Structure formats: structure tokens, C-alpha cells
Amino acid sequence: ANDGSLSSALLKTLKRGMAGEYSRELSVKVWAGQSRLVQLGFRLGGIPGYGLRRHLIDQNMVFKQVLKPGDRKSLQTDRVILVPGPAAEVKVVRYIYKLFTQEKLIESAIANALNAKGIPWIDGRPWNRRIVREILTNPKYIGSSVYNRKSFKLHKTMVHNPPESWICFRRAFKPLITETQFEEARTIV
């Protein structure tokens, strides 16, 4: 009973400590499991990004369906992978890299050029500098499955982790651009 006695207070403190330790152990196991899935080339969550789509596959790596925004997998044994999206979007991603690396345009000028051409971003929204920067710096466009780029633990502020702490599986899916183009853009950025 929680009667305010010394033994009750000690027992409550002990149970809180045990719950905290259980939570820490569970966190380590979840982290290891998520890291393993990424290293196998699977997608853990989040929007796929412009020019990419999520495909649902079963435990035998057989394609089941294309997942639309908001769709989720229903079976624990199913997995999600990224694949190149529509040819028109892939062409726009390549065009962005061309404008940045060959034409030497800055991100905001690229966004303005895409908006001027009437090329919509996701859900018909206009392009902006931040979106173009994300396309130019995200390794998923060279076919890499990446995890731990950002951390958001215990409701603290989001932290951008250094590339050496990322968990990455190279060539997880067909790339939209070459590694040479990506490295050239990263050098410029």
C-alpha cells in the first residue's frame, strides 16, 4: 500500500529504478533491431522523398504493393524498401543536380526555376531552398538506406548527427543519380 511509510517510499524508489533500468535495456534492444533492419536495406519510416516511392515486400522479398502516403504495413514480417519513383520526378532530381553542379546555381535559384517551370513538389506545393538542399545532401538519392541522421531523444531538441554516426547500407536500391554527382554536390555544399 502507498501509505507514506518509510518501507512504502523505499519500495516505490526501488520500483522506479527497476522501471528505468528496464527502459534503458529495451532502448538498447530496439536500437540494435532498427540498426540491423537498416543494414539489410529496409526503410524504417518517414516520407520517401521526391522521386522515390515505398514498396511493400513480404518475408521472401516478393513485391506486394506500392505504399501511398499514409499507408502502413500490416504484417510484422513485411518490410518496406525504397525504389525510384515516376520517371518525370527522377528527371527533375537529375535536373536539380545538373543545375547545381554544372550551372552553379544556388538552391534558392533552383527552387525558383522549378516553380517558374510549373513543376510542383510533393502534393503540388512549391519548391523552396530547404527542399532543394535536402535533395542535394541526402544519400538516399544514390541508393543508400540511411538511419540516425537526426536524433530526437526524450523530447529534447533535435540533433543533427555527424555522418560518422549514421547507419548506412549502400546500394540498397537503384540510385537516381551517380555517386560522382552526389560527391560533387556535397563538395559544393
C-alpha atoms as a PDB file:
ATOM      1  CA  ALA A   1       0.000   0.000   0.000  1.00  0.00           C
ATOM      2  CA  ASN A   2       1.124   3.545  -0.699  1.00  0.00           C
ATOM      3  CA  ASP A   3       0.617   4.666   2.881  1.00  0.00           C
ATOM      4  CA  GLY A   4       3.533   7.121   3.096  1.00  0.00           C
ATOM      5  CA  SER A   5       5.574   4.875   5.380  1.00  0.00           C
ATOM      6  CA  LEU A   6       9.344   4.517   5.041  1.00  0.00           C
ATOM      7  CA  SER A   7       9.068   0.973   3.652  1.00  0.00           C
ATOM      8  CA  SER A   8       6.491   2.129   1.090  1.00  0.00           C
ATOM      9  CA  ALA A   9       8.710   5.008  -0.032  1.00  0.00           C
ATOM     10  CA  LEU A  10      11.741   2.700  -0.344  1.00  0.00           C
ATOM     11  CA  LEU A  11       9.763   0.148  -2.335  1.00  0.00           C
ATOM     12  CA  LYS A  12       8.450   2.880  -4.653  1.00  0.00           C
ATOM     13  CA  THR A  13      12.005   4.176  -5.220  1.00  0.00           C
ATOM     14  CA  LEU A  14      13.236   0.647  -5.944  1.00  0.00           C
ATOM     15  CA  LYS A  15      10.409   0.029  -8.454  1.00  0.00           C
ATOM     16  CA  ARG A  16      11.139   3.328 -10.224  1.00  0.00           C
ATOM     17  CA  GLY A  17      14.798   2.383 -10.504  1.00  0.00           C
ATOM     18  CA  MET A  18      13.875  -1.044 -11.900  1.00  0.00           C
ATOM     19  CA  ALA A  19      11.496   0.543 -14.419  1.00  0.00           C
ATOM     20  CA  GLY A  20      14.214   2.966 -15.515  1.00  0.00           C
ATOM     21  CA  GLU A  21      16.700   0.133 -15.985  1.00  0.00           C
ATOM     22  CA  TYR A  22      14.144  -1.908 -17.959  1.00  0.00           C
ATOM     23  CA  SER A  23      13.533   1.108 -20.190  1.00  0.00           C
ATOM     24  CA  ARG A  24      17.277   1.548 -20.829  1.00  0.00           C
ATOM     25  CA  GLU A  25      17.699  -2.146 -21.688  1.00  0.00           C
ATOM     26  CA  LEU A  26      14.684  -2.062 -24.009  1.00  0.00           C
ATOM     27  CA  SER A  27      16.064   1.046 -25.713  1.00  0.00           C
ATOM     28  CA  VAL A  28      19.341  -0.755 -26.475  1.00  0.00           C
ATOM     29  CA  LYS A  29      17.453  -3.719 -27.957  1.00  0.00           C
ATOM     30  CA  VAL A  30      15.204  -1.513 -30.101  1.00  0.00           C
ATOM     31  CA  TRP A  31      18.216   0.467 -31.341  1.00  0.00           C
ATOM     32  CA  ALA A  32      20.036  -2.761 -32.279  1.00  0.00           C
ATOM     33  CA  GLY A  33      16.964  -4.096 -34.107  1.00  0.00           C
ATOM     34  CA  GLN A  34      16.401  -0.894 -36.057  1.00  0.00           C
ATOM     35  CA  SER A  35      20.076  -0.670 -36.966  1.00  0.00           C
ATOM     36  CA  ARG A  36      20.027  -4.257 -38.223  1.00  0.00           C
ATOM     37  CA  LEU A  37      16.983  -3.617 -40.427  1.00  0.00           C
ATOM     38  CA  VAL A  38      18.611  -0.560 -41.992  1.00  0.00           C
ATOM     39  CA  GLN A  39      21.806  -2.521 -42.620  1.00  0.00           C
ATOM     40  CA  LEU A  40      19.669  -5.035 -44.524  1.00  0.00           C
ATOM     41  CA  GLY A  41      18.402  -2.216 -46.763  1.00  0.00           C
ATOM     42  CA  PHE A  42      14.901  -1.766 -45.332  1.00  0.00           C
ATOM     43  CA  ARG A  43      13.159   1.554 -44.732  1.00  0.00           C
ATOM     44  CA  LEU A  44      12.052   2.275 -41.151  1.00  0.00           C
ATOM     45  CA  GLY A  45       9.718   5.189 -41.701  1.00  0.00           C
ATOM     46  CA  GLY A  46       9.214   8.720 -42.861  1.00  0.00           C
ATOM     47  CA  ILE A  47       8.274  10.090 -46.238  1.00  0.00           C
ATOM     48  CA  PRO A  48      10.323   8.591 -49.059  1.00  0.00           C
ATOM     49  CA  GLY A  49      11.267  11.914 -50.621  1.00  0.00           C
ATOM     50  CA  TYR A  50      10.738  13.440 -54.033  1.00  0.00           C
ATOM     51  CA  GLY A  51      11.449  10.994 -56.842  1.00  0.00           C
ATOM     52  CA  LEU A  52      11.224   7.921 -54.585  1.00  0.00           C
ATOM     53  CA  ARG A  53       8.434   5.538 -53.624  1.00  0.00           C
ATOM     54  CA  ARG A  54       7.908   2.982 -50.854  1.00  0.00           C
ATOM     55  CA  HIS A  55       7.345  -0.634 -51.896  1.00  0.00           C
ATOM     56  CA  LEU A  56       5.958  -3.251 -49.556  1.00  0.00           C
ATOM     57  CA  ILE A  57       7.652  -6.637 -49.811  1.00  0.00           C
ATOM     58  CA  ASP A  58       6.986  -9.872 -47.971  1.00  0.00           C
ATOM     59  CA  GLN A  59       9.430 -12.001 -45.991  1.00  0.00           C
ATOM     60  CA  ASN A  60      10.593 -13.680 -49.243  1.00  0.00           C
ATOM     61  CA  MET A  61      11.434 -10.279 -50.798  1.00  0.00           C
ATOM     62  CA  VAL A  62       8.459 -10.568 -53.186  1.00  0.00           C
ATOM     63  CA  PHE A  63       6.779  -7.275 -54.144  1.00  0.00           C
ATOM     64  CA  LYS A  64       3.295  -6.839 -52.655  1.00  0.00           C
ATOM     65  CA  GLN A  65       2.239  -3.248 -53.385  1.00  0.00           C
ATOM     66  CA  VAL A  66       3.250   0.388 -53.669  1.00  0.00           C
ATOM     67  CA  LEU A  67       2.537   2.213 -50.415  1.00  0.00           C
ATOM     68  CA  LYS A  68       0.778   5.541 -50.834  1.00  0.00           C
ATOM     69  CA  PRO A  69       1.298   8.419 -48.374  1.00  0.00           C
ATOM     70  CA  GLY A  70      -0.256   7.400 -45.061  1.00  0.00           C
ATOM     71  CA  ASP A  71      -0.276   3.658 -45.884  1.00  0.00           C
ATOM     72  CA  ARG A  72       1.410   1.348 -43.406  1.00  0.00           C
ATOM     73  CA  LYS A  73       2.499  -2.253 -43.454  1.00  0.00           C
ATOM     74  CA  SER A  74       0.118  -4.570 -41.632  1.00  0.00           C
ATOM     75  CA  LEU A  75       2.181  -7.714 -41.098  1.00  0.00           C
ATOM     76  CA  GLN A  76       5.214  -7.845 -38.851  1.00  0.00           C
ATOM     77  CA  THR A  77       7.101  -9.965 -41.389  1.00  0.00           C
ATOM     78  CA  ASP A  78       6.569  -7.477 -44.250  1.00  0.00           C
ATOM     79  CA  ARG A  79       9.244  -4.884 -44.989  1.00  0.00           C
ATOM     80  CA  VAL A  80       9.385  -1.558 -46.797  1.00  0.00           C
ATOM     81  CA  ILE A  81      12.043  -0.629 -49.342  1.00  0.00           C
ATOM     82  CA  LEU A  82      12.608   2.485 -51.419  1.00  0.00           C
ATOM     83  CA  VAL A  83      12.573   2.411 -55.213  1.00  0.00           C
ATOM     84  CA  PRO A  84      12.841   5.128 -57.865  1.00  0.00           C
ATOM     85  CA  GLY A  85       9.521   6.866 -58.424  1.00  0.00           C
ATOM     86  CA  PRO A  86       7.919   8.146 -61.625  1.00  0.00           C
ATOM     87  CA  ALA A  87      10.322   8.897 -64.483  1.00  0.00           C
ATOM     88  CA  ALA A  88       9.256  12.572 -64.510  1.00  0.00           C
ATOM     89  CA  GLU A  89      10.263  13.024 -60.849  1.00  0.00           C
ATOM     90  CA  VAL A  90      13.564  11.177 -61.350  1.00  0.00           C
ATOM     91  CA  LYS A  91      14.265  13.505 -64.269  1.00  0.00           C
ATOM     92  CA  VAL A  92      13.626  16.544 -62.029  1.00  0.00           C
ATOM     93  CA  VAL A  93      16.059  15.218 -59.374  1.00  0.00           C
ATOM     94  CA  ARG A  94      18.736  14.809 -62.045  1.00  0.00           C
ATOM     95  CA  TYR A  95      17.929  18.290 -63.360  1.00  0.00           C
ATOM     96  CA  ILE A  96      18.435  19.739 -59.853  1.00  0.00           C
ATOM     97  CA  TYR A  97      21.885  18.139 -59.648  1.00  0.00           C
ATOM     98  CA  LYS A  98      22.743  19.433 -63.130  1.00  0.00           C
ATOM     99  CA  LEU A  99      21.707  22.994 -62.239  1.00  0.00           C
ATOM    100  CA  PHE A 100      23.694  22.858 -59.000  1.00  0.00           C
ATOM    101  CA  THR A 101      26.894  21.164 -60.163  1.00  0.00           C
ATOM    102  CA  GLN A 102      27.191  22.279 -63.790  1.00  0.00           C
ATOM    103  CA  GLU A 103      25.252  25.548 -63.989  1.00  0.00           C
ATOM    104  CA  LYS A 104      26.450  26.553 -60.484  1.00  0.00           C
ATOM    105  CA  LEU A 105      23.013  27.833 -59.386  1.00  0.00           C
ATOM    106  CA  ILE A 106      22.312  28.200 -55.667  1.00  0.00           C
ATOM    107  CA  GLU A 107      19.456  26.308 -54.006  1.00  0.00           C
ATOM    108  CA  SER A 108      17.010  29.217 -53.971  1.00  0.00           C
ATOM    109  CA  ALA A 109      17.624  29.912 -57.683  1.00  0.00           C
ATOM    110  CA  ILE A 110      16.968  26.233 -58.455  1.00  0.00           C
ATOM    111  CA  ALA A 111      13.726  26.353 -56.450  1.00  0.00           C
ATOM    112  CA  ASN A 112      12.660  29.496 -58.321  1.00  0.00           C
ATOM    113  CA  ALA A 113      13.478  27.879 -61.680  1.00  0.00           C
ATOM    114  CA  LEU A 114      11.391  24.793 -60.843  1.00  0.00           C
ATOM    115  CA  ASN A 115       8.482  26.953 -59.661  1.00  0.00           C
ATOM    116  CA  ALA A 116       8.730  29.112 -62.811  1.00  0.00           C
ATOM    117  CA  LYS A 117       8.503  25.971 -64.973  1.00  0.00           C
ATOM    118  CA  GLY A 118       5.366  24.930 -63.073  1.00  0.00           C
ATOM    119  CA  ILE A 119       6.960  21.766 -61.698  1.00  0.00           C
ATOM    120  CA  PRO A 120       5.215  21.013 -58.396  1.00  0.00           C
ATOM    121  CA  TRP A 121       6.877  19.460 -55.391  1.00  0.00           C
ATOM    122  CA  ILE A 122       5.041  16.827 -53.298  1.00  0.00           C
ATOM    123  CA  ASP A 123       1.264  17.450 -53.031  1.00  0.00           C
ATOM    124  CA  GLY A 124       1.510  20.332 -55.516  1.00  0.00           C
ATOM    125  CA  ARG A 125       3.380  22.568 -53.089  1.00  0.00           C
ATOM    126  CA  PRO A 126       6.030  24.988 -54.379  1.00  0.00           C
ATOM    127  CA  TRP A 127       9.755  24.338 -54.152  1.00  0.00           C
ATOM    128  CA  ASN A 128      11.972  26.208 -51.700  1.00  0.00           C
ATOM    129  CA  ARG A 129      15.672  26.359 -50.839  1.00  0.00           C
ATOM    130  CA  ARG A 130      15.399  23.870 -47.966  1.00  0.00           C
ATOM    131  CA  ILE A 131      13.766  21.194 -50.147  1.00  0.00           C
ATOM    132  CA  VAL A 132      16.430  21.549 -52.841  1.00  0.00           C
ATOM    133  CA  ARG A 133      19.186  21.353 -50.192  1.00  0.00           C
ATOM    134  CA  GLU A 134      17.652  18.137 -48.819  1.00  0.00           C
ATOM    135  CA  ILE A 135      17.731  16.544 -52.284  1.00  0.00           C
ATOM    136  CA  LEU A 136      21.337  17.646 -52.798  1.00  0.00           C
ATOM    137  CA  THR A 137      22.594  16.310 -49.464  1.00  0.00           C
ATOM    138  CA  ASN A 138      20.559  13.167 -48.749  1.00  0.00           C
ATOM    139  CA  PRO A 139      22.393   9.904 -49.565  1.00  0.00           C
ATOM    140  CA  LYS A 140      19.140   8.142 -50.399  1.00  0.00           C
ATOM    141  CA  TYR A 141      19.408   9.636 -53.886  1.00  0.00           C
ATOM    142  CA  ILE A 142      22.481   7.462 -54.532  1.00  0.00           C
ATOM    143  CA  GLY A 143      20.577   4.368 -53.376  1.00  0.00           C
ATOM    144  CA  SER A 144      21.709   4.324 -49.740  1.00  0.00           C
ATOM    145  CA  SER A 145      19.452   3.346 -46.863  1.00  0.00           C
ATOM    146  CA  VAL A 146      20.448   5.723 -44.042  1.00  0.00           C
ATOM    147  CA  TYR A 147      19.411   5.855 -40.387  1.00  0.00           C
ATOM    148  CA  ASN A 148      20.389   8.072 -37.450  1.00  0.00           C
ATOM    149  CA  ARG A 149      20.943  11.266 -39.454  1.00  0.00           C
ATOM    150  CA  LYS A 150      18.963  13.060 -36.743  1.00  0.00           C
ATOM    151  CA  SER A 151      18.207  12.225 -33.103  1.00  0.00           C
ATOM    152  CA  PHE A 152      15.259  13.329 -31.036  1.00  0.00           C
ATOM    153  CA  LYS A 153      15.542  11.643 -27.657  1.00  0.00           C
ATOM    154  CA  LEU A 154      13.332  12.169 -24.626  1.00  0.00           C
ATOM    155  CA  HIS A 155      11.580  15.238 -26.067  1.00  0.00           C
ATOM    156  CA  LYS A 156      14.771  17.264 -26.249  1.00  0.00           C
ATOM    157  CA  THR A 157      15.722  19.375 -29.238  1.00  0.00           C
ATOM    158  CA  MET A 158      16.504  17.586 -32.488  1.00  0.00           C
ATOM    159  CA  VAL A 159      20.186  16.921 -33.042  1.00  0.00           C
ATOM    160  CA  HIS A 160      21.804  16.502 -36.473  1.00  0.00           C
ATOM    161  CA  ASN A 161      24.259  13.643 -36.001  1.00  0.00           C
ATOM    162  CA  PRO A 162      27.659  13.682 -37.730  1.00  0.00           C
ATOM    163  CA  PRO A 163      27.951  11.396 -40.811  1.00  0.00           C
ATOM    164  CA  GLU A 164      30.299   9.016 -38.979  1.00  0.00           C
ATOM    165  CA  SER A 165      27.463   8.065 -36.592  1.00  0.00           C
ATOM    166  CA  TRP A 166      24.972   7.353 -39.396  1.00  0.00           C
ATOM    167  CA  ILE A 167      23.991   3.772 -40.068  1.00  0.00           C
ATOM    168  CA  CYS A 168      24.166   3.287 -43.810  1.00  0.00           C
ATOM    169  CA  PHE A 169      23.562   0.486 -46.277  1.00  0.00           C
ATOM    170  CA  ARG A 170      24.998   1.467 -49.649  1.00  0.00           C
ATOM    171  CA  ARG A 171      23.288   0.301 -52.836  1.00  0.00           C
ATOM    172  CA  ALA A 172      20.110  -0.684 -51.010  1.00  0.00           C
ATOM    173  CA  PHE A 173      18.098   0.252 -54.115  1.00  0.00           C
ATOM    174  CA  LYS A 174      18.590   1.655 -57.617  1.00  0.00           C
ATOM    175  CA  PRO A 175      20.131   5.148 -57.376  1.00  0.00           C
ATOM    176  CA  LEU A 176      18.610   8.208 -59.026  1.00  0.00           C
ATOM    177  CA  ILE A 177      21.995   9.879 -59.544  1.00  0.00           C
ATOM    178  CA  THR A 178      25.611   8.736 -59.628  1.00  0.00           C
ATOM    179  CA  GLU A 179      27.899   8.794 -56.617  1.00  0.00           C
ATOM    180  CA  THR A 180      30.173  11.176 -58.542  1.00  0.00           C
ATOM    181  CA  GLN A 181      27.318  13.692 -58.935  1.00  0.00           C
ATOM    182  CA  PHE A 182      26.430  13.353 -55.261  1.00  0.00           C
ATOM    183  CA  GLU A 183      30.005  13.866 -54.080  1.00  0.00           C
ATOM    184  CA  GLU A 184      30.410  16.864 -56.392  1.00  0.00           C
ATOM    185  CA  ALA A 185      27.239  18.442 -54.968  1.00  0.00           C
ATOM    186  CA  ARG A 186      28.308  17.650 -51.404  1.00  0.00           C
ATOM    187  CA  THR A 187      31.682  19.282 -52.011  1.00  0.00           C
ATOM    188  CA  ILE A 188      29.975  22.433 -53.284  1.00  0.00           C
ATOM    189  CA  VAL A 189      27.570  22.498 -50.321  1.00  0.00           C
END
